[in-house]
Amino acid sequence: MPSYADWDLLQSLHAVLEAGSLSAAAKRRRLTQPTLGRHIDQLERQLGAPLFLRSPRGIQPTDLALMLKPHLDDMAAASGAAVRDASGAIDGVGGVVRVTCSEIMGIEVLPSILTSFRAKHPKIDVELVTTNKLEDLSRREADIAVRMARPTQNNLVAKKIGELGVGFYATADYLARHPPPTSFDELEGHTIIGFDTQGPSIVDDLDIGRPITRDLFAVRTDNDAAQMALLKAGFGIAACQHQIARRAGLVPVMAEVFEFKLELWIAMHENLRGSRRMRAMFDHLAEELKALTA
């Protein structure tokens, strides 16, 4: 890459690669679409090669653009981390903490925990990344992670909080309309909510007497929040964390037959252990999440 490639132009390239279109990238960067288009044109001239193939159906990244993406990911993560670190440089108690967690944890569990954190630390702003993709803490894509498995990256400070139980649940209304199943054979006659194309990794370790594939489910979605909404609406039976199900007033199904455990961990990069705001968030999460495993 030429040394004169402007970071502003590279940010626009990264935005297009992430968003998939010029219009969406322009919104992400808070630029007009013509301005962002000029950025891409200028960068292509500097590199001496096209970055996208244009067609009536949209744009397609070239091999060069795809080759650059991992480097742009690193640069974007480092830039974001620098901004967060600078935000707390003057006042060690204030600044920004970027927390990542799964979709269901971010929607059903962390909001109340982050609310109580804000009450204790009103000078600390929070960026919450809800994704089932494991954000790379070593690259500072996030500062602190709440994870359902032991972190495997090097140079992390990690703490196991405990284990979360998961079982089958349904609404009382659904079970009033359909006799509760007592075995896996009876479960197959019920309406089950599950994944579409991306089954969770834990599926490979579960034994229900047959392979767990998408054809088991009467409604399929890879969005955890949508699965939870369908469960609460009484659509059918689904697996759910015990503490979330209890709070939603759901009824256990086949509690004596089916249950599995998920480890609950929090982690951050070891270089952040000296930051007061990072330590405050880490300790708060550890204390509040511990109650979920009781």
C-alpha atoms as a PDB file:
ATOM      1  CA  MET A   1       0.000   0.000   0.000  1.00  0.00           C
ATOM      2  CA  PRO A   2       1.490   3.404  -0.887  1.00  0.00           C
ATOM      3  CA  SER A   3       2.666   5.462   2.058  1.00  0.00           C
ATOM      4  CA  TYR A   4       0.475   8.337   0.912  1.00  0.00           C
ATOM      5  CA  ALA A   5      -2.810   6.425   1.275  1.00  0.00           C
ATOM      6  CA  ASP A   6      -4.924   8.715   3.461  1.00  0.00           C
ATOM      7  CA  TRP A   7      -6.471   7.208   6.618  1.00  0.00           C
ATOM      8  CA  ASP A   8      -9.701   9.042   5.827  1.00  0.00           C
ATOM      9  CA  LEU A   9      -9.850   7.239   2.484  1.00  0.00           C
ATOM     10  CA  LEU A  10      -9.032   3.920   4.100  1.00  0.00           C
ATOM     11  CA  GLN A  11     -11.832   4.419   6.607  1.00  0.00           C
ATOM     12  CA  SER A  12     -14.232   4.883   3.726  1.00  0.00           C
ATOM     13  CA  LEU A  13     -12.966   1.680   2.088  1.00  0.00           C
ATOM     14  CA  HIS A  14     -13.397  -0.193   5.363  1.00  0.00           C
ATOM     15  CA  ALA A  15     -16.918   1.167   5.747  1.00  0.00           C
ATOM     16  CA  VAL A  16     -17.906  -0.039   2.275  1.00  0.00           C
ATOM     17  CA  LEU A  17     -16.434  -3.492   2.908  1.00  0.00           C
ATOM     18  CA  GLU A  18     -18.323  -3.715   6.214  1.00  0.00           C
ATOM     19  CA  ALA A  19     -21.624  -2.251   5.019  1.00  0.00           C
ATOM     20  CA  GLY A  20     -21.703  -3.808   1.544  1.00  0.00           C
ATOM     21  CA  SER A  21     -22.827  -0.697  -0.337  1.00  0.00           C
ATOM     22  CA  LEU A  22     -21.822   2.926  -0.875  1.00  0.00           C
ATOM     23  CA  SER A  23     -25.096   4.278   0.528  1.00  0.00           C
ATOM     24  CA  ALA A  24     -24.914   2.246   3.745  1.00  0.00           C
ATOM     25  CA  ALA A  25     -21.219   3.074   4.150  1.00  0.00           C
ATOM     26  CA  ALA A  26     -21.923   6.775   3.677  1.00  0.00           C
ATOM     27  CA  LYS A  27     -24.514   6.684   6.471  1.00  0.00           C
ATOM     28  CA  ARG A  28     -22.072   4.829   8.698  1.00  0.00           C
ATOM     29  CA  ARG A  29     -19.377   7.462   8.080  1.00  0.00           C
ATOM     30  CA  ARG A  30     -21.849  10.368   8.142  1.00  0.00           C
ATOM     31  CA  LEU A  31     -20.807  11.441   4.677  1.00  0.00           C
ATOM     32  CA  THR A  32     -22.767  12.045   1.494  1.00  0.00           C
ATOM     33  CA  GLN A  33     -22.688   9.161  -0.974  1.00  0.00           C
ATOM     34  CA  PRO A  34     -20.897  11.257  -3.647  1.00  0.00           C
ATOM     35  CA  THR A  35     -18.184  12.185  -1.123  1.00  0.00           C
ATOM     36  CA  LEU A  36     -17.666   8.579  -0.134  1.00  0.00           C
ATOM     37  CA  GLY A  37     -17.617   7.571  -3.807  1.00  0.00           C
ATOM     38  CA  ARG A  38     -14.878  10.117  -4.457  1.00  0.00           C
ATOM     39  CA  HIS A  39     -12.888   8.626  -1.581  1.00  0.00           C
ATOM     40  CA  ILE A  40     -13.003   5.210  -3.221  1.00  0.00           C
ATOM     41  CA  ASP A  41     -12.113   6.652  -6.636  1.00  0.00           C
ATOM     42  CA  GLN A  42      -9.151   8.554  -5.155  1.00  0.00           C
ATOM     43  CA  LEU A  43      -7.903   5.492  -3.301  1.00  0.00           C
ATOM     44  CA  GLU A  44      -8.131   3.387  -6.461  1.00  0.00           C
ATOM     45  CA  ARG A  45      -6.029   5.970  -8.294  1.00  0.00           C
ATOM     46  CA  GLN A  46      -3.434   5.924  -5.501  1.00  0.00           C
ATOM     47  CA  LEU A  47      -3.299   2.123  -5.499  1.00  0.00           C
ATOM     48  CA  GLY A  48      -3.381   1.883  -9.292  1.00  0.00           C
ATOM     49  CA  ALA A  49      -5.983  -0.871  -9.259  1.00  0.00           C
ATOM     50  CA  PRO A  50      -9.776  -1.210  -8.835  1.00  0.00           C
ATOM     51  CA  LEU A  51     -11.203  -2.017  -5.405  1.00  0.00           C
ATOM     52  CA  PHE A  52     -14.766  -2.791  -6.514  1.00  0.00           C
ATOM     53  CA  LEU A  53     -16.504  -4.109  -9.608  1.00  0.00           C
ATOM     54  CA  ARG A  54     -19.593  -2.028 -10.433  1.00  0.00           C
ATOM     55  CA  SER A  55     -22.748  -3.545 -11.890  1.00  0.00           C
ATOM     56  CA  PRO A  56     -26.494  -2.756 -11.926  1.00  0.00           C
ATOM     57  CA  ARG A  57     -26.827  -5.134  -8.968  1.00  0.00           C
ATOM     58  CA  GLY A  58     -24.353  -3.203  -6.847  1.00  0.00           C
ATOM     59  CA  ILE A  59     -20.661  -3.414  -6.080  1.00  0.00           C
ATOM     60  CA  GLN A  60     -18.442  -6.442  -5.558  1.00  0.00           C
ATOM     61  CA  PRO A  61     -15.055  -6.172  -3.793  1.00  0.00           C
ATOM     62  CA  THR A  62     -12.025  -7.191  -5.835  1.00  0.00           C
ATOM     63  CA  ASP A  63      -9.330  -9.528  -4.551  1.00  0.00           C
ATOM     64  CA  LEU A  64      -7.247  -6.452  -3.672  1.00  0.00           C
ATOM     65  CA  ALA A  65     -10.011  -5.033  -1.462  1.00  0.00           C
ATOM     66  CA  LEU A  66     -10.502  -8.380   0.257  1.00  0.00           C
ATOM     67  CA  MET A  67      -6.742  -8.667   0.800  1.00  0.00           C
ATOM     68  CA  LEU A  68      -6.705  -5.250   2.474  1.00  0.00           C
ATOM     69  CA  LYS A  69      -9.700  -5.918   4.748  1.00  0.00           C
ATOM     70  CA  PRO A  70      -7.863  -7.717   7.600  1.00  0.00           C
ATOM     71  CA  HIS A  71      -5.388  -4.832   7.793  1.00  0.00           C
ATOM     72  CA  LEU A  72      -8.230  -2.314   7.782  1.00  0.00           C
ATOM     73  CA  ASP A  73      -9.983  -4.282  10.542  1.00  0.00           C
ATOM     74  CA  ASP A  74      -6.818  -4.017  12.648  1.00  0.00           C
ATOM     75  CA  MET A  75      -6.473  -0.310  11.927  1.00  0.00           C
ATOM     76  CA  ALA A  76     -10.122   0.385  12.769  1.00  0.00           C
ATOM     77  CA  ALA A  77      -9.863  -1.557  16.024  1.00  0.00           C
ATOM     78  CA  ALA A  78      -6.667   0.261  16.984  1.00  0.00           C
ATOM     79  CA  SER A  79      -8.223   3.624  16.120  1.00  0.00           C
ATOM     80  CA  GLY A  80     -11.276   2.897  18.242  1.00  0.00           C
ATOM     81  CA  ALA A  81      -9.122   1.730  21.135  1.00  0.00           C
ATOM     82  CA  ALA A  82      -6.997   4.884  20.898  1.00  0.00           C
ATOM     83  CA  VAL A  83     -10.096   7.064  21.112  1.00  0.00           C
ATOM     84  CA  ARG A  84     -11.374   5.143  24.137  1.00  0.00           C
ATOM     85  CA  ASP A  85      -8.001   5.281  25.874  1.00  0.00           C
ATOM     86  CA  ALA A  86      -7.679   8.999  25.204  1.00  0.00           C
ATOM     87  CA  SER A  87     -11.156   9.563  26.617  1.00  0.00           C
ATOM     88  CA  GLY A  88      -9.934   8.510  30.058  1.00  0.00           C
ATOM     89  CA  ALA A  89      -6.416   9.885  29.934  1.00  0.00           C
ATOM     90  CA  ILE A  90      -7.180  13.102  31.810  1.00  0.00           C
ATOM     91  CA  ASP A  91      -9.680  11.711  34.317  1.00  0.00           C
ATOM     92  CA  GLY A  92      -8.835   8.095  35.116  1.00  0.00           C
ATOM     93  CA  VAL A  93     -12.325   7.486  36.454  1.00  0.00           C
ATOM     94  CA  GLY A  94     -14.075   8.729  33.324  1.00  0.00           C
ATOM     95  CA  GLY A  95     -13.910   7.736  29.677  1.00  0.00           C
ATOM     96  CA  VAL A  96     -15.366   4.920  27.594  1.00  0.00           C
ATOM     97  CA  VAL A  97     -15.549   1.145  28.073  1.00  0.00           C
ATOM     98  CA  ARG A  98     -16.502  -1.078  25.127  1.00  0.00           C
ATOM     99  CA  VAL A  99     -18.231  -4.293  26.240  1.00  0.00           C
ATOM    100  CA  THR A 100     -19.094  -7.193  23.964  1.00  0.00           C
ATOM    101  CA  CYS A 101     -21.493 -10.058  24.675  1.00  0.00           C
ATOM    102  CA  SER A 102     -23.903 -12.400  22.929  1.00  0.00           C
ATOM    103  CA  GLU A 103     -27.161 -11.064  21.532  1.00  0.00           C
ATOM    104  CA  ILE A 104     -29.311 -12.661  24.218  1.00  0.00           C
ATOM    105  CA  MET A 105     -27.075 -11.447  27.054  1.00  0.00           C
ATOM    106  CA  GLY A 106     -27.036  -7.940  25.631  1.00  0.00           C
ATOM    107  CA  ILE A 107     -30.824  -7.808  25.407  1.00  0.00           C
ATOM    108  CA  GLU A 108     -32.011  -9.855  28.376  1.00  0.00           C
ATOM    109  CA  VAL A 109     -29.246  -9.624  31.004  1.00  0.00           C
ATOM    110  CA  LEU A 110     -26.791  -6.753  30.695  1.00  0.00           C
ATOM    111  CA  PRO A 111     -29.163  -3.743  30.451  1.00  0.00           C
ATOM    112  CA  SER A 112     -30.018  -3.790  34.171  1.00  0.00           C
ATOM    113  CA  ILE A 113     -26.396  -4.513  35.105  1.00  0.00           C
ATOM    114  CA  LEU A 114     -25.101  -1.631  33.007  1.00  0.00           C
ATOM    115  CA  THR A 115     -27.789   0.636  34.464  1.00  0.00           C
ATOM    116  CA  SER A 116     -26.545   0.001  37.991  1.00  0.00           C
ATOM    117  CA  PHE A 117     -22.958   0.503  36.776  1.00  0.00           C
ATOM    118  CA  ARG A 118     -23.867   3.897  35.334  1.00  0.00           C
ATOM    119  CA  ALA A 119     -25.432   4.909  38.659  1.00  0.00           C
ATOM    120  CA  LYS A 120     -22.116   4.161  40.388  1.00  0.00           C
ATOM    121  CA  HIS A 121     -19.876   5.614  37.652  1.00  0.00           C
ATOM    122  CA  PRO A 122     -21.717   8.446  35.861  1.00  0.00           C
ATOM    123  CA  LYS A 123     -18.529   9.663  34.131  1.00  0.00           C
ATOM    124  CA  ILE A 124     -17.979   6.373  32.290  1.00  0.00           C
ATOM    125  CA  ASP A 125     -19.739   5.909  28.951  1.00  0.00           C
ATOM    126  CA  VAL A 126     -20.451   2.400  27.664  1.00  0.00           C
ATOM    127  CA  GLU A 127     -20.307   1.008  24.140  1.00  0.00           C
ATOM    128  CA  LEU A 128     -22.235  -2.280  23.998  1.00  0.00           C
ATOM    129  CA  VAL A 129     -21.511  -4.672  21.121  1.00  0.00           C
ATOM    130  CA  THR A 130     -24.140  -7.425  20.960  1.00  0.00           C
ATOM    131  CA  THR A 131     -22.941 -10.159  18.642  1.00  0.00           C
ATOM    132  CA  ASN A 132     -22.538 -13.920  18.663  1.00  0.00           C
ATOM    133  CA  LYS A 133     -19.257 -13.389  16.823  1.00  0.00           C
ATOM    134  CA  LEU A 134     -16.285 -13.474  19.200  1.00  0.00           C
ATOM    135  CA  GLU A 135     -14.771  -9.996  19.123  1.00  0.00           C
ATOM    136  CA  ASP A 136     -10.965 -10.057  19.219  1.00  0.00           C
ATOM    137  CA  LEU A 137      -9.817  -8.604  22.539  1.00  0.00           C
ATOM    138  CA  SER A 138      -6.177  -8.856  21.497  1.00  0.00           C
ATOM    139  CA  ARG A 139      -6.922  -6.371  18.691  1.00  0.00           C
ATOM    140  CA  ARG A 140      -9.051  -4.246  21.049  1.00  0.00           C
ATOM    141  CA  GLU A 141     -12.226  -4.728  19.002  1.00  0.00           C
ATOM    142  CA  ALA A 142     -13.704  -4.549  22.500  1.00  0.00           C
ATOM    143  CA  ASP A 143     -12.284  -3.865  25.941  1.00  0.00           C
ATOM    144  CA  ILE A 144     -14.211  -6.394  28.024  1.00  0.00           C
ATOM    145  CA  ALA A 145     -16.055  -9.525  26.887  1.00  0.00           C
ATOM    146  CA  VAL A 146     -18.805 -11.565  28.514  1.00  0.00           C
ATOM    147  CA  ARG A 147     -18.520 -15.044  27.046  1.00  0.00           C
ATOM    148  CA  MET A 148     -20.203 -18.429  27.329  1.00  0.00           C
ATOM    149  CA  ALA A 149     -16.971 -20.381  26.951  1.00  0.00           C
ATOM    150  CA  ARG A 150     -13.416 -20.187  28.253  1.00  0.00           C
ATOM    151  CA  PRO A 151     -11.483 -17.468  26.383  1.00  0.00           C
ATOM    152  CA  THR A 152      -8.635 -18.934  24.360  1.00  0.00           C
ATOM    153  CA  GLN A 153      -6.757 -15.837  23.209  1.00  0.00           C
ATOM    154  CA  ASN A 154      -3.365 -15.049  24.699  1.00  0.00           C
ATOM    155  CA  ASN A 155      -2.627 -12.040  26.908  1.00  0.00           C
ATOM    156  CA  LEU A 156      -6.070 -11.942  28.523  1.00  0.00           C
ATOM    157  CA  VAL A 157      -7.185 -11.511  32.100  1.00  0.00           C
ATOM    158  CA  ALA A 158     -10.114 -13.931  32.383  1.00  0.00           C
ATOM    159  CA  LYS A 159     -12.378 -14.910  35.256  1.00  0.00           C
ATOM    160  CA  LYS A 160     -14.882 -17.741  35.357  1.00  0.00           C
ATOM    161  CA  ILE A 161     -18.055 -16.482  37.000  1.00  0.00           C
ATOM    162  CA  GLY A 162     -19.847 -19.827  37.165  1.00  0.00           C
ATOM    163  CA  GLU A 163     -22.261 -21.817  35.057  1.00  0.00           C
ATOM    164  CA  LEU A 164     -25.655 -20.972  33.593  1.00  0.00           C
ATOM    165  CA  GLY A 165     -28.303 -23.670  33.329  1.00  0.00           C
ATOM    166  CA  VAL A 166     -30.348 -23.992  30.136  1.00  0.00           C
ATOM    167  CA  GLY A 167     -33.532 -26.001  29.683  1.00  0.00           C
ATOM    168  CA  PHE A 168     -36.714 -26.222  27.632  1.00  0.00           C
ATOM    169  CA  TYR A 169     -39.444 -23.657  28.347  1.00  0.00           C
ATOM    170  CA  ALA A 170     -42.827 -22.569  27.046  1.00  0.00           C
ATOM    171  CA  THR A 171     -45.604 -20.221  28.107  1.00  0.00           C
ATOM    172  CA  ALA A 172     -48.445 -21.428  30.326  1.00  0.00           C
ATOM    173  CA  ASP A 173     -50.845 -20.614  27.491  1.00  0.00           C
ATOM    174  CA  TYR A 174     -48.982 -22.857  25.030  1.00  0.00           C
ATOM    175  CA  LEU A 175     -48.915 -25.735  27.532  1.00  0.00           C
ATOM    176  CA  ALA A 176     -52.637 -25.298  28.211  1.00  0.00           C
ATOM    177  CA  ARG A 177     -53.252 -25.847  24.491  1.00  0.00           C
ATOM    178  CA  HIS A 178     -50.707 -28.677  24.114  1.00  0.00           C
ATOM    179  CA  PRO A 179     -50.120 -31.377  26.761  1.00  0.00           C
ATOM    180  CA  PRO A 180     -46.553 -30.943  28.086  1.00  0.00           C
ATOM    181  CA  PRO A 181     -44.116 -33.501  26.643  1.00  0.00           C
ATOM    182  CA  THR A 182     -42.337 -35.829  29.054  1.00  0.00           C
ATOM    183  CA  SER A 183     -39.829 -37.397  26.645  1.00  0.00           C
ATOM    184  CA  PHE A 184     -37.912 -36.565  23.464  1.00  0.00           C
ATOM    185  CA  ASP A 185     -40.305 -38.763  21.482  1.00  0.00           C
ATOM    186  CA  GLU A 186     -43.262 -36.671  22.677  1.00  0.00           C
ATOM    187  CA  LEU A 187     -41.301 -33.449  22.076  1.00  0.00           C
ATOM    188  CA  GLU A 188     -41.157 -34.210  18.350  1.00  0.00           C
ATOM    189  CA  GLY A 189     -44.929 -33.766  18.200  1.00  0.00           C
ATOM    190  CA  HIS A 190     -44.678 -30.201  19.507  1.00  0.00           C
ATOM    191  CA  THR A 191     -43.942 -26.819  17.950  1.00  0.00           C
ATOM    192  CA  ILE A 192     -40.250 -26.145  18.550  1.00  0.00           C
ATOM    193  CA  ILE A 193     -38.382 -22.877  18.047  1.00  0.00           C
ATOM    194  CA  GLY A 194     -34.785 -23.070  16.815  1.00  0.00           C
ATOM    195  CA  PHE A 195     -31.988 -21.973  14.534  1.00  0.00           C
ATOM    196  CA  ASP A 196     -32.081 -21.530  10.782  1.00  0.00           C
ATOM    197  CA  THR A 197     -28.616 -21.749   9.196  1.00  0.00           C
ATOM    198  CA  GLN A 198     -26.233 -21.157  12.116  1.00  0.00           C
ATOM    199  CA  GLY A 199     -26.620 -23.653  14.930  1.00  0.00           C
ATOM    200  CA  PRO A 200     -24.792 -22.814  18.173  1.00  0.00           C
ATOM    201  CA  SER A 201     -21.608 -24.806  18.773  1.00  0.00           C
ATOM    202  CA  ILE A 202     -23.113 -26.446  21.876  1.00  0.00           C
ATOM    203  CA  VAL A 203     -25.535 -28.328  19.575  1.00  0.00           C
ATOM    204  CA  ASP A 204     -22.793 -30.797  18.647  1.00  0.00           C
ATOM    205  CA  ASP A 205     -22.461 -31.879  22.288  1.00  0.00           C
ATOM    206  CA  LEU A 206     -26.161 -32.401  23.050  1.00  0.00           C
ATOM    207  CA  ASP A 207     -27.852 -35.795  22.931  1.00  0.00           C
ATOM    208  CA  ILE A 208     -31.599 -35.831  22.353  1.00  0.00           C
ATOM    209  CA  GLY A 209     -31.709 -39.201  20.643  1.00  0.00           C
ATOM    210  CA  ARG A 210     -31.415 -37.799  17.117  1.00  0.00           C
ATOM    211  CA  PRO A 211     -29.307 -35.217  15.255  1.00  0.00           C
ATOM    212  CA  ILE A 212     -30.257 -31.613  16.031  1.00  0.00           C
ATOM    213  CA  THR A 213     -30.897 -30.142  12.609  1.00  0.00           C
ATOM    214  CA  ARG A 214     -33.045 -27.282  11.376  1.00  0.00           C
ATOM    215  CA  ASP A 215     -35.852 -29.592  10.237  1.00  0.00           C
ATOM    216  CA  LEU A 216     -36.724 -30.159  13.917  1.00  0.00           C
ATOM    217  CA  PHE A 217     -38.052 -26.626  14.187  1.00  0.00           C
ATOM    218  CA  ALA A 218     -41.444 -25.241  13.203  1.00  0.00           C
ATOM    219  CA  VAL A 219     -39.987 -21.722  13.123  1.00  0.00           C
ATOM    220  CA  ARG A 220     -36.338 -21.037  12.323  1.00  0.00           C
ATOM    221  CA  THR A 221     -34.285 -17.922  12.949  1.00  0.00           C
ATOM    222  CA  ASP A 222     -30.631 -17.268  13.753  1.00  0.00           C
ATOM    223  CA  ASN A 223     -31.557 -14.146  15.720  1.00  0.00           C
ATOM    224  CA  ASP A 224     -31.569 -14.973  19.441  1.00  0.00           C
ATOM    225  CA  ALA A 225     -33.813 -12.022  20.280  1.00  0.00           C
ATOM    226  CA  ALA A 226     -36.381 -13.181  17.728  1.00  0.00           C
ATOM    227  CA  GLN A 227     -36.308 -16.703  19.183  1.00  0.00           C
ATOM    228  CA  MET A 228     -36.904 -15.246  22.639  1.00  0.00           C
ATOM    229  CA  ALA A 229     -39.772 -13.075  21.387  1.00  0.00           C
ATOM    230  CA  LEU A 230     -41.411 -16.092  19.736  1.00  0.00           C
ATOM    231  CA  LEU A 231     -41.022 -18.084  22.950  1.00  0.00           C
ATOM    232  CA  LYS A 232     -42.617 -15.313  25.033  1.00  0.00           C
ATOM    233  CA  ALA A 233     -45.447 -15.019  22.486  1.00  0.00           C
ATOM    234  CA  GLY A 234     -46.383 -18.653  23.049  1.00  0.00           C
ATOM    235  CA  PHE A 235     -45.379 -19.892  19.601  1.00  0.00           C
ATOM    236  CA  GLY A 236     -43.830 -23.064  21.008  1.00  0.00           C
ATOM    237  CA  ILE A 237     -41.055 -24.642  23.059  1.00  0.00           C
ATOM    238  CA  ALA A 238     -37.444 -23.438  23.035  1.00  0.00           C
ATOM    239  CA  ALA A 239     -34.238 -23.732  25.013  1.00  0.00           C
ATOM    240  CA  CYS A 240     -33.697 -20.794  27.353  1.00  0.00           C
ATOM    241  CA  GLN A 241     -31.384 -19.825  30.207  1.00  0.00           C
ATOM    242  CA  HIS A 242     -33.097 -20.538  33.532  1.00  0.00           C
ATOM    243  CA  GLN A 243     -32.761 -17.048  35.003  1.00  0.00           C
ATOM    244  CA  ILE A 244     -34.091 -15.394  31.835  1.00  0.00           C
ATOM    245  CA  ALA A 245     -37.013 -17.840  31.665  1.00  0.00           C
ATOM    246  CA  ARG A 246     -37.938 -17.308  35.319  1.00  0.00           C
ATOM    247  CA  ARG A 247     -37.943 -13.528  34.904  1.00  0.00           C
ATOM    248  CA  ALA A 248     -40.208 -13.879  31.841  1.00  0.00           C
ATOM    249  CA  GLY A 249     -42.657 -16.124  33.702  1.00  0.00           C
ATOM    250  CA  LEU A 250     -42.027 -19.122  31.432  1.00  0.00           C
ATOM    251  CA  VAL A 251     -42.798 -22.686  32.475  1.00  0.00           C
ATOM    252  CA  PRO A 252     -40.133 -25.449  32.527  1.00  0.00           C
ATOM    253  CA  VAL A 253     -40.653 -28.332  30.110  1.00  0.00           C
ATOM    254  CA  MET A 254     -39.042 -31.776  30.592  1.00  0.00           C
ATOM    255  CA  ALA A 255     -36.949 -30.366  33.451  1.00  0.00           C
ATOM    256  CA  GLU A 256     -36.020 -33.849  34.677  1.00  0.00           C
ATOM    257  CA  VAL A 257     -35.037 -35.007  31.200  1.00  0.00           C
ATOM    258  CA  PHE A 258     -33.142 -32.147  29.555  1.00  0.00           C
ATOM    259  CA  GLU A 259     -30.689 -29.536  30.811  1.00  0.00           C
ATOM    260  CA  PHE A 260     -27.216 -28.365  29.900  1.00  0.00           C
ATOM    261  CA  LYS A 261     -24.733 -25.899  31.345  1.00  0.00           C
ATOM    262  CA  LEU A 262     -22.905 -22.955  29.810  1.00  0.00           C
ATOM    263  CA  GLU A 263     -19.755 -21.586  31.403  1.00  0.00           C
ATOM    264  CA  LEU A 264     -19.891 -17.848  32.067  1.00  0.00           C
ATOM    265  CA  TRP A 265     -16.637 -15.873  31.757  1.00  0.00           C
ATOM    266  CA  ILE A 266     -15.538 -12.268  31.604  1.00  0.00           C
ATOM    267  CA  ALA A 267     -12.231 -11.262  30.046  1.00  0.00           C
ATOM    268  CA  MET A 268     -10.151  -8.245  29.095  1.00  0.00           C
ATOM    269  CA  HIS A 269      -6.685  -7.634  27.662  1.00  0.00           C
ATOM    270  CA  GLU A 270      -3.975  -7.768  30.311  1.00  0.00           C
ATOM    271  CA  ASN A 271      -2.748  -4.300  29.290  1.00  0.00           C
ATOM    272  CA  LEU A 272      -6.021  -2.834  30.587  1.00  0.00           C
ATOM    273  CA  ARG A 273      -5.778  -4.125  34.130  1.00  0.00           C
ATOM    274  CA  GLY A 274      -4.222  -0.837  35.287  1.00  0.00           C
ATOM    275  CA  SER A 275      -7.109   1.262  33.931  1.00  0.00           C
ATOM    276  CA  ARG A 276      -9.467   2.353  36.703  1.00  0.00           C
ATOM    277  CA  ARG A 277     -12.542   2.455  34.495  1.00  0.00           C
ATOM    278  CA  MET A 278     -11.814  -0.969  32.983  1.00  0.00           C
ATOM    279  CA  ARG A 279     -11.260  -2.449  36.420  1.00  0.00           C
ATOM    280  CA  ALA A 280     -14.473  -0.851  37.658  1.00  0.00           C
ATOM    281  CA  MET A 281     -16.484  -2.424  34.821  1.00  0.00           C
ATOM    282  CA  PHE A 282     -14.737  -5.798  35.123  1.00  0.00           C
ATOM    283  CA  ASP A 283     -15.411  -6.003  38.870  1.00  0.00           C
ATOM    284  CA  HIS A 284     -18.998  -4.805  38.506  1.00  0.00           C
ATOM    285  CA  LEU A 285     -19.763  -7.406  35.863  1.00  0.00           C
ATOM    286  CA  ALA A 286     -18.171 -10.133  37.954  1.00  0.00           C
ATOM    287  CA  GLU A 287     -20.248  -9.229  40.998  1.00  0.00           C
ATOM    288  CA  GLU A 288     -23.572  -8.811  39.194  1.00  0.00           C
ATOM    289  CA  LEU A 289     -23.234 -11.813  36.895  1.00  0.00           C
ATOM    290  CA  LYS A 290     -22.363 -14.060  39.817  1.00  0.00           C
ATOM    291  CA  ALA A 291     -25.972 -13.744  40.989  1.00  0.00           C
ATOM    292  CA  LEU A 292     -27.151 -15.347  37.741  1.00  0.00           C
ATOM    293  CA  THR A 293     -25.273 -18.558  38.462  1.00  0.00           C
ATOM    294  CA  ALA A 294     -26.754 -19.084  41.948  1.00  0.00           C
END
